[in-house]
Amino acid sequence: GAIIADAAGNITVGGSLVNALGIWTDMTGSL
């Protein structure tokens, strides 16, 4: 399922992003 949060810092995925990534207000880092 989706990855849902209000905010996020750095997100590093070695494999695949399979479903939706929902960051609602602020992403301060990198994807």
PDB file of all heavy atoms in Angstrom:
ATOM      1  N   GLY A   1       0.828  -1.205   0.000  1.00  0.00           N
ATOM      2  CA  GLY A   1       0.000   0.000   0.000  1.00  0.00           C
ATOM      3  C   GLY A   1       0.860   1.250   0.000  1.00  0.00           C
ATOM      4  O   GLY A   1       2.086   1.204  -0.060  1.00  0.00           O
ATOM      5  N   ALA A   2       0.195   2.369   0.090  1.00  0.00           N
ATOM      6  CA  ALA A   2       0.851   3.672   0.003  1.00  0.00           C
ATOM      7  C   ALA A   2       1.717   3.958   1.226  1.00  0.00           C
ATOM      8  O   ALA A   2       1.527   3.393   2.296  1.00  0.00           O
ATOM      9  CB  ALA A   2      -0.201   4.762  -0.146  1.00  0.00           C
ATOM     10  N   ILE A   3       2.658   4.869   1.045  1.00  0.00           N
ATOM     11  CA  ILE A   3       3.484   5.394   2.126  1.00  0.00           C
ATOM     12  C   ILE A   3       2.964   6.811   2.370  1.00  0.00           C
ATOM     13  O   ILE A   3       3.140   7.692   1.538  1.00  0.00           O
ATOM     14  CB  ILE A   3       4.980   5.420   1.732  1.00  0.00           C
ATOM     15  CG1 ILE A   3       5.433   4.045   1.226  1.00  0.00           C
ATOM     16  CG2 ILE A   3       5.831   5.912   2.882  1.00  0.00           C
ATOM     17  CD1 ILE A   3       5.242   2.902   2.203  1.00  0.00           C
ATOM     18  N   ILE A   4       2.277   7.013   3.489  1.00  0.00           N
ATOM     19  CA  ILE A   4       1.582   8.268   3.768  1.00  0.00           C
ATOM     20  C   ILE A   4       2.113   8.878   5.063  1.00  0.00           C
ATOM     21  O   ILE A   4       2.196   8.207   6.090  1.00  0.00           O
ATOM     22  CB  ILE A   4       0.057   8.032   3.933  1.00  0.00           C
ATOM     23  CG1 ILE A   4      -0.526   7.336   2.713  1.00  0.00           C
ATOM     24  CG2 ILE A   4      -0.662   9.331   4.256  1.00  0.00           C
ATOM     25  CD1 ILE A   4      -0.577   8.167   1.468  1.00  0.00           C
ATOM     26  N   ALA A   5       2.466  10.162   5.039  1.00  0.00           N
ATOM     27  CA  ALA A   5       2.885  10.895   6.232  1.00  0.00           C
ATOM     28  C   ALA A   5       2.630  12.381   5.993  1.00  0.00           C
ATOM     29  O   ALA A   5       2.445  12.823   4.862  1.00  0.00           O
ATOM     30  CB  ALA A   5       4.354  10.645   6.540  1.00  0.00           C
ATOM     31  N   ASP A   6       2.619  13.138   7.085  1.00  0.00           N
ATOM     32  CA  ASP A   6       2.463  14.590   6.952  1.00  0.00           C
ATOM     33  C   ASP A   6       3.726  15.241   6.410  1.00  0.00           C
ATOM     34  O   ASP A   6       3.664  16.167   5.622  1.00  0.00           O
ATOM     35  CB  ASP A   6       2.114  15.204   8.312  1.00  0.00           C
ATOM     36  CG  ASP A   6       0.702  14.867   8.740  1.00  0.00           C
ATOM     37  OD1 ASP A   6      -0.226  15.263   8.023  1.00  0.00           O
ATOM     38  OD2 ASP A   6       0.531  14.198   9.763  1.00  0.00           O
ATOM     39  N   ALA A   7       4.882  14.752   6.860  1.00  0.00           N
ATOM     40  CA  ALA A   7       6.153  15.341   6.443  1.00  0.00           C
ATOM     41  C   ALA A   7       7.208  14.243   6.388  1.00  0.00           C
ATOM     42  O   ALA A   7       7.025  13.167   6.948  1.00  0.00           O
ATOM     43  CB  ALA A   7       6.564  16.444   7.418  1.00  0.00           C
ATOM     44  N   ALA A   8       8.320  14.563   5.702  1.00  0.00           N
ATOM     45  CA  ALA A   8       9.403  13.591   5.598  1.00  0.00           C
ATOM     46  C   ALA A   8      10.731  14.299   5.411  1.00  0.00           C
ATOM     47  O   ALA A   8      10.789  15.408   4.876  1.00  0.00           O
ATOM     48  CB  ALA A   8       9.165  12.634   4.433  1.00  0.00           C
ATOM     49  N   GLY A   9      11.788  13.605   5.838  1.00  0.00           N
ATOM     50  CA  GLY A   9      13.154  14.040   5.573  1.00  0.00           C
ATOM     51  C   GLY A   9      13.673  13.280   4.364  1.00  0.00           C
ATOM     52  O   GLY A   9      13.002  13.197   3.337  1.00  0.00           O
ATOM     53  N   ASN A  10      14.843  12.686   4.499  1.00  0.00           N
ATOM     54  CA  ASN A  10      15.429  11.921   3.395  1.00  0.00           C
ATOM     55  C   ASN A  10      14.800  10.541   3.293  1.00  0.00           C
ATOM     56  O   ASN A  10      14.638   9.850   4.294  1.00  0.00           O
ATOM     57  CB  ASN A  10      16.934  11.759   3.604  1.00  0.00           C
ATOM     58  CG  ASN A  10      17.661  13.066   3.468  1.00  0.00           C
ATOM     59  OD1 ASN A  10      17.401  13.839   2.566  1.00  0.00           O
ATOM     60  ND2 ASN A  10      18.575  13.326   4.381  1.00  0.00           N
ATOM     61  N   ILE A  11      14.468  10.143   2.064  1.00  0.00           N
ATOM     62  CA  ILE A  11      13.961   8.803   1.791  1.00  0.00           C
ATOM     63  C   ILE A  11      14.854   8.184   0.724  1.00  0.00           C
ATOM     64  O   ILE A  11      14.966   8.710  -0.379  1.00  0.00           O
ATOM     65  CB  ILE A  11      12.490   8.840   1.322  1.00  0.00           C
ATOM     66  CG1 ILE A  11      11.598   9.372   2.449  1.00  0.00           C
ATOM     67  CG2 ILE A  11      12.041   7.455   0.851  1.00  0.00           C
ATOM     68  CD1 ILE A  11      10.129   9.486   2.083  1.00  0.00           C
ATOM     69  N   THR A  12      15.510   7.060   1.092  1.00  0.00           N
ATOM     70  CA  THR A  12      16.398   6.358   0.178  1.00  0.00           C
ATOM     71  C   THR A  12      15.931   4.918   0.055  1.00  0.00           C
ATOM     72  O   THR A  12      15.828   4.209   1.049  1.00  0.00           O
ATOM     73  CB  THR A  12      17.855   6.392   0.691  1.00  0.00           C
ATOM     74  OG1 THR A  12      18.246   7.751   0.875  1.00  0.00           O
ATOM     75  CG2 THR A  12      18.786   5.719  -0.299  1.00  0.00           C
ATOM     76  N   VAL A  13      15.631   4.509  -1.174  1.00  0.00           N
ATOM     77  CA  VAL A  13      15.105   3.176  -1.460  1.00  0.00           C
ATOM     78  C   VAL A  13      16.085   2.497  -2.412  1.00  0.00           C
ATOM     79  O   VAL A  13      16.308   2.983  -3.516  1.00  0.00           O
ATOM     80  CB  VAL A  13      13.702   3.269  -2.113  1.00  0.00           C
ATOM     81  CG1 VAL A  13      13.154   1.898  -2.413  1.00  0.00           C
ATOM     82  CG2 VAL A  13      12.754   4.061  -1.223  1.00  0.00           C
ATOM     83  N   GLY A  14      16.669   1.368  -1.984  1.00  0.00           N
ATOM     84  CA  GLY A  14      17.604   0.655  -2.844  1.00  0.00           C
ATOM     85  C   GLY A  14      16.916  -0.054  -3.996  1.00  0.00           C
ATOM     86  O   GLY A  14      17.464  -0.191  -5.078  1.00  0.00           O
ATOM     87  N   GLY A  15      15.683  -0.518  -3.763  1.00  0.00           N
ATOM     88  CA  GLY A  15      14.911  -1.217  -4.790  1.00  0.00           C
ATOM     89  C   GLY A  15      13.953  -0.269  -5.490  1.00  0.00           C
ATOM     90  O   GLY A  15      14.332   0.820  -5.909  1.00  0.00           O
ATOM     91  N   SER A  16      12.687  -0.693  -5.580  1.00  0.00           N
ATOM     92  CA  SER A  16      11.675   0.077  -6.313  1.00  0.00           C
ATOM     93  C   SER A  16      10.672   0.733  -5.377  1.00  0.00           C
ATOM     94  O   SER A  16      10.379   0.222  -4.304  1.00  0.00           O
ATOM     95  CB  SER A  16      10.924  -0.840  -7.273  1.00  0.00           C
ATOM     96  OG  SER A  16      11.803  -1.348  -8.262  1.00  0.00           O
ATOM     97  N   LEU A  17      10.124   1.863  -5.818  1.00  0.00           N
ATOM     98  CA  LEU A  17       8.982   2.493  -5.169  1.00  0.00           C
ATOM     99  C   LEU A  17       7.756   1.924  -5.855  1.00  0.00           C
ATOM    100  O   LEU A  17       7.477   2.227  -7.012  1.00  0.00           O
ATOM    101  CB  LEU A  17       9.040   4.014  -5.315  1.00  0.00           C
ATOM    102  CG  LEU A  17       7.868   4.787  -4.745  1.00  0.00           C
ATOM    103  CD1 LEU A  17       7.716   4.549  -3.242  1.00  0.00           C
ATOM    104  CD2 LEU A  17       8.051   6.278  -5.018  1.00  0.00           C
ATOM    105  N   VAL A  18       7.039   1.031  -5.160  1.00  0.00           N
ATOM    106  CA  VAL A  18       6.008   0.220  -5.788  1.00  0.00           C
ATOM    107  C   VAL A  18       4.648   0.897  -5.761  1.00  0.00           C
ATOM    108  O   VAL A  18       3.846   0.722  -6.669  1.00  0.00           O
ATOM    109  CB  VAL A  18       5.938  -1.161  -5.090  1.00  0.00           C
ATOM    110  CG1 VAL A  18       4.865  -2.039  -5.694  1.00  0.00           C
ATOM    111  CG2 VAL A  18       7.292  -1.857  -5.173  1.00  0.00           C
ATOM    112  N   ASN A  19       4.351   1.671  -4.735  1.00  0.00           N
ATOM    113  CA  ASN A  19       3.035   2.268  -4.582  1.00  0.00           C
ATOM    114  C   ASN A  19       3.175   3.766  -4.358  1.00  0.00           C
ATOM    115  O   ASN A  19       4.271   4.308  -4.401  1.00  0.00           O
ATOM    116  CB  ASN A  19       2.309   1.598  -3.395  1.00  0.00           C
ATOM    117  CG  ASN A  19       0.882   1.234  -3.722  1.00  0.00           C
ATOM    118  OD1 ASN A  19       0.143   2.043  -4.243  1.00  0.00           O
ATOM    119  ND2 ASN A  19       0.523  -0.001  -3.428  1.00  0.00           N
ATOM    120  N   ALA A  20       2.093   4.436  -4.096  1.00  0.00           N
ATOM    121  CA  ALA A  20       2.089   5.889  -3.945  1.00  0.00           C
ATOM    122  C   ALA A  20       2.903   6.342  -2.743  1.00  0.00           C
ATOM    123  O   ALA A  20       2.939   5.675  -1.712  1.00  0.00           O
ATOM    124  CB  ALA A  20       0.652   6.390  -3.813  1.00  0.00           C
ATOM    125  N   LEU A  21       3.541   7.486  -2.877  1.00  0.00           N
ATOM    126  CA  LEU A  21       4.238   8.152  -1.791  1.00  0.00           C
ATOM    127  C   LEU A  21       3.519   9.473  -1.567  1.00  0.00           C
ATOM    128  O   LEU A  21       3.567  10.364  -2.417  1.00  0.00           O
ATOM    129  CB  LEU A  21       5.712   8.388  -2.158  1.00  0.00           C
ATOM    130  CG  LEU A  21       6.558   9.157  -1.157  1.00  0.00           C
ATOM    131  CD1 LEU A  21       6.674   8.368   0.150  1.00  0.00           C
ATOM    132  CD2 LEU A  21       7.931   9.451  -1.729  1.00  0.00           C
ATOM    133  N   GLY A  22       2.795   9.592  -0.457  1.00  0.00           N
ATOM    134  CA  GLY A  22       2.019  10.795  -0.161  1.00  0.00           C
ATOM    135  C   GLY A  22       2.583  11.534   1.033  1.00  0.00           C
ATOM    136  O   GLY A  22       2.400  11.112   2.165  1.00  0.00           O
ATOM    137  N   ILE A  23       3.309  12.609   0.779  1.00  0.00           N
ATOM    138  CA  ILE A  23       3.814  13.470   1.847  1.00  0.00           C
ATOM    139  C   ILE A  23       2.978  14.745   1.779  1.00  0.00           C
ATOM    140  O   ILE A  23       3.078  15.499   0.815  1.00  0.00           O
ATOM    141  CB  ILE A  23       5.322  13.772   1.676  1.00  0.00           C
ATOM    142  CG1 ILE A  23       6.132  12.478   1.527  1.00  0.00           C
ATOM    143  CG2 ILE A  23       5.820  14.631   2.828  1.00  0.00           C
ATOM    144  CD1 ILE A  23       6.026  11.518   2.699  1.00  0.00           C
ATOM    145  N   TRP A  24       2.156  14.989   2.800  1.00  0.00           N
ATOM    146  CA  TRP A  24       1.104  15.994   2.703  1.00  0.00           C
ATOM    147  C   TRP A  24       1.557  17.424   2.848  1.00  0.00           C
ATOM    148  O   TRP A  24       1.021  18.310   2.200  1.00  0.00           O
ATOM    149  CB  TRP A  24       0.008  15.677   3.711  1.00  0.00           C
ATOM    150  CG  TRP A  24      -0.715  14.435   3.319  1.00  0.00           C
ATOM    151  CD1 TRP A  24      -0.458  13.170   3.780  1.00  0.00           C
ATOM    152  CD2 TRP A  24      -1.740  14.304   2.346  1.00  0.00           C
ATOM    153  NE1 TRP A  24      -1.274  12.264   3.151  1.00  0.00           N
ATOM    154  CE2 TRP A  24      -2.088  12.938   2.272  1.00  0.00           C
ATOM    155  CE3 TRP A  24      -2.418  15.204   1.528  1.00  0.00           C
ATOM    156  CZ2 TRP A  24      -3.072  12.467   1.418  1.00  0.00           C
ATOM    157  CZ3 TRP A  24      -3.399  14.728   0.684  1.00  0.00           C
ATOM    158  CH2 TRP A  24      -3.713  13.377   0.639  1.00  0.00           C
ATOM    159  N   THR A  25       2.523  17.723   3.724  1.00  0.00           N
ATOM    160  CA  THR A  25       2.854  19.126   3.942  1.00  0.00           C
ATOM    161  C   THR A  25       4.253  19.514   3.507  1.00  0.00           C
ATOM    162  O   THR A  25       4.427  20.537   2.869  1.00  0.00           O
ATOM    163  CB  THR A  25       2.673  19.516   5.428  1.00  0.00           C
ATOM    164  OG1 THR A  25       3.538  18.702   6.225  1.00  0.00           O
ATOM    165  CG2 THR A  25       1.246  19.351   5.872  1.00  0.00           C
ATOM    166  N   ASP A  26       5.262  18.719   3.853  1.00  0.00           N
ATOM    167  CA  ASP A  26       6.621  19.177   3.616  1.00  0.00           C
ATOM    168  C   ASP A  26       7.585  18.001   3.515  1.00  0.00           C
ATOM    169  O   ASP A  26       7.580  17.113   4.358  1.00  0.00           O
ATOM    170  CB  ASP A  26       7.049  20.089   4.775  1.00  0.00           C
ATOM    171  CG  ASP A  26       8.329  20.838   4.500  1.00  0.00           C
ATOM    172  OD1 ASP A  26       8.697  20.984   3.317  1.00  0.00           O
ATOM    173  OD2 ASP A  26       8.968  21.279   5.462  1.00  0.00           O
ATOM    174  N   MET A  27       8.423  18.022   2.500  1.00  0.00           N
ATOM    175  CA  MET A  27       9.516  17.061   2.402  1.00  0.00           C
ATOM    176  C   MET A  27      10.807  17.857   2.409  1.00  0.00           C
ATOM    177  O   MET A  27      11.125  18.556   1.450  1.00  0.00           O
ATOM    178  CB  MET A  27       9.419  16.209   1.146  1.00  0.00           C
ATOM    179  CG  MET A  27      10.477  15.143   1.106  1.00  0.00           C
ATOM    180  SD  MET A  27      10.029  13.782   0.018  1.00  0.00           S
ATOM    181  CE  MET A  27      11.467  12.743   0.267  1.00  0.00           C
ATOM    182  N   THR A  28      11.525  17.786   3.531  1.00  0.00           N
ATOM    183  CA  THR A  28      12.708  18.618   3.715  1.00  0.00           C
ATOM    184  C   THR A  28      13.972  18.006   3.138  1.00  0.00           C
ATOM    185  O   THR A  28      14.975  18.694   2.997  1.00  0.00           O
ATOM    186  CB  THR A  28      12.938  18.890   5.218  1.00  0.00           C
ATOM    187  OG1 THR A  28      13.116  17.645   5.894  1.00  0.00           O
ATOM    188  CG2 THR A  28      11.770  19.638   5.815  1.00  0.00           C
ATOM    189  N   GLY A  29      13.940  16.720   2.836  1.00  0.00           N
ATOM    190  CA  GLY A  29      15.121  16.046   2.298  1.00  0.00           C
ATOM    191  C   GLY A  29      14.945  15.650   0.855  1.00  0.00           C
ATOM    192  O   GLY A  29      14.174  16.257   0.110  1.00  0.00           O
ATOM    193  N   SER A  30      15.637  14.594   0.478  1.00  0.00           N
ATOM    194  CA  SER A  30      15.588  14.140  -0.909  1.00  0.00           C
ATOM    195  C   SER A  30      14.967  12.747  -0.990  1.00  0.00           C
ATOM    196  O   SER A  30      14.933  12.006  -0.018  1.00  0.00           O
ATOM    197  CB  SER A  30      17.001  14.102  -1.493  1.00  0.00           C
ATOM    198  OG  SER A  30      17.800  13.179  -0.777  1.00  0.00           O
ATOM    199  N   LEU A  31      14.495  12.407  -2.180  1.00  0.00           N
ATOM    200  CA  LEU A  31      13.975  11.078  -2.481  1.00  0.00           C
ATOM    201  C   LEU A  31      14.913  10.451  -3.499  1.00  0.00           C
ATOM    202  O   LEU A  31      15.127  10.991  -4.579  1.00  0.00           O
ATOM    203  CB  LEU A  31      12.559  11.169  -3.051  1.00  0.00           C
ATOM    204  CG  LEU A  31      11.983   9.872  -3.628  1.00  0.00           C
ATOM    205  CD1 LEU A  31      11.822   8.825  -2.527  1.00  0.00           C
ATOM    206  CD2 LEU A  31      10.647  10.136  -4.311  1.00  0.00           C
TER     207      LEU A  31
END
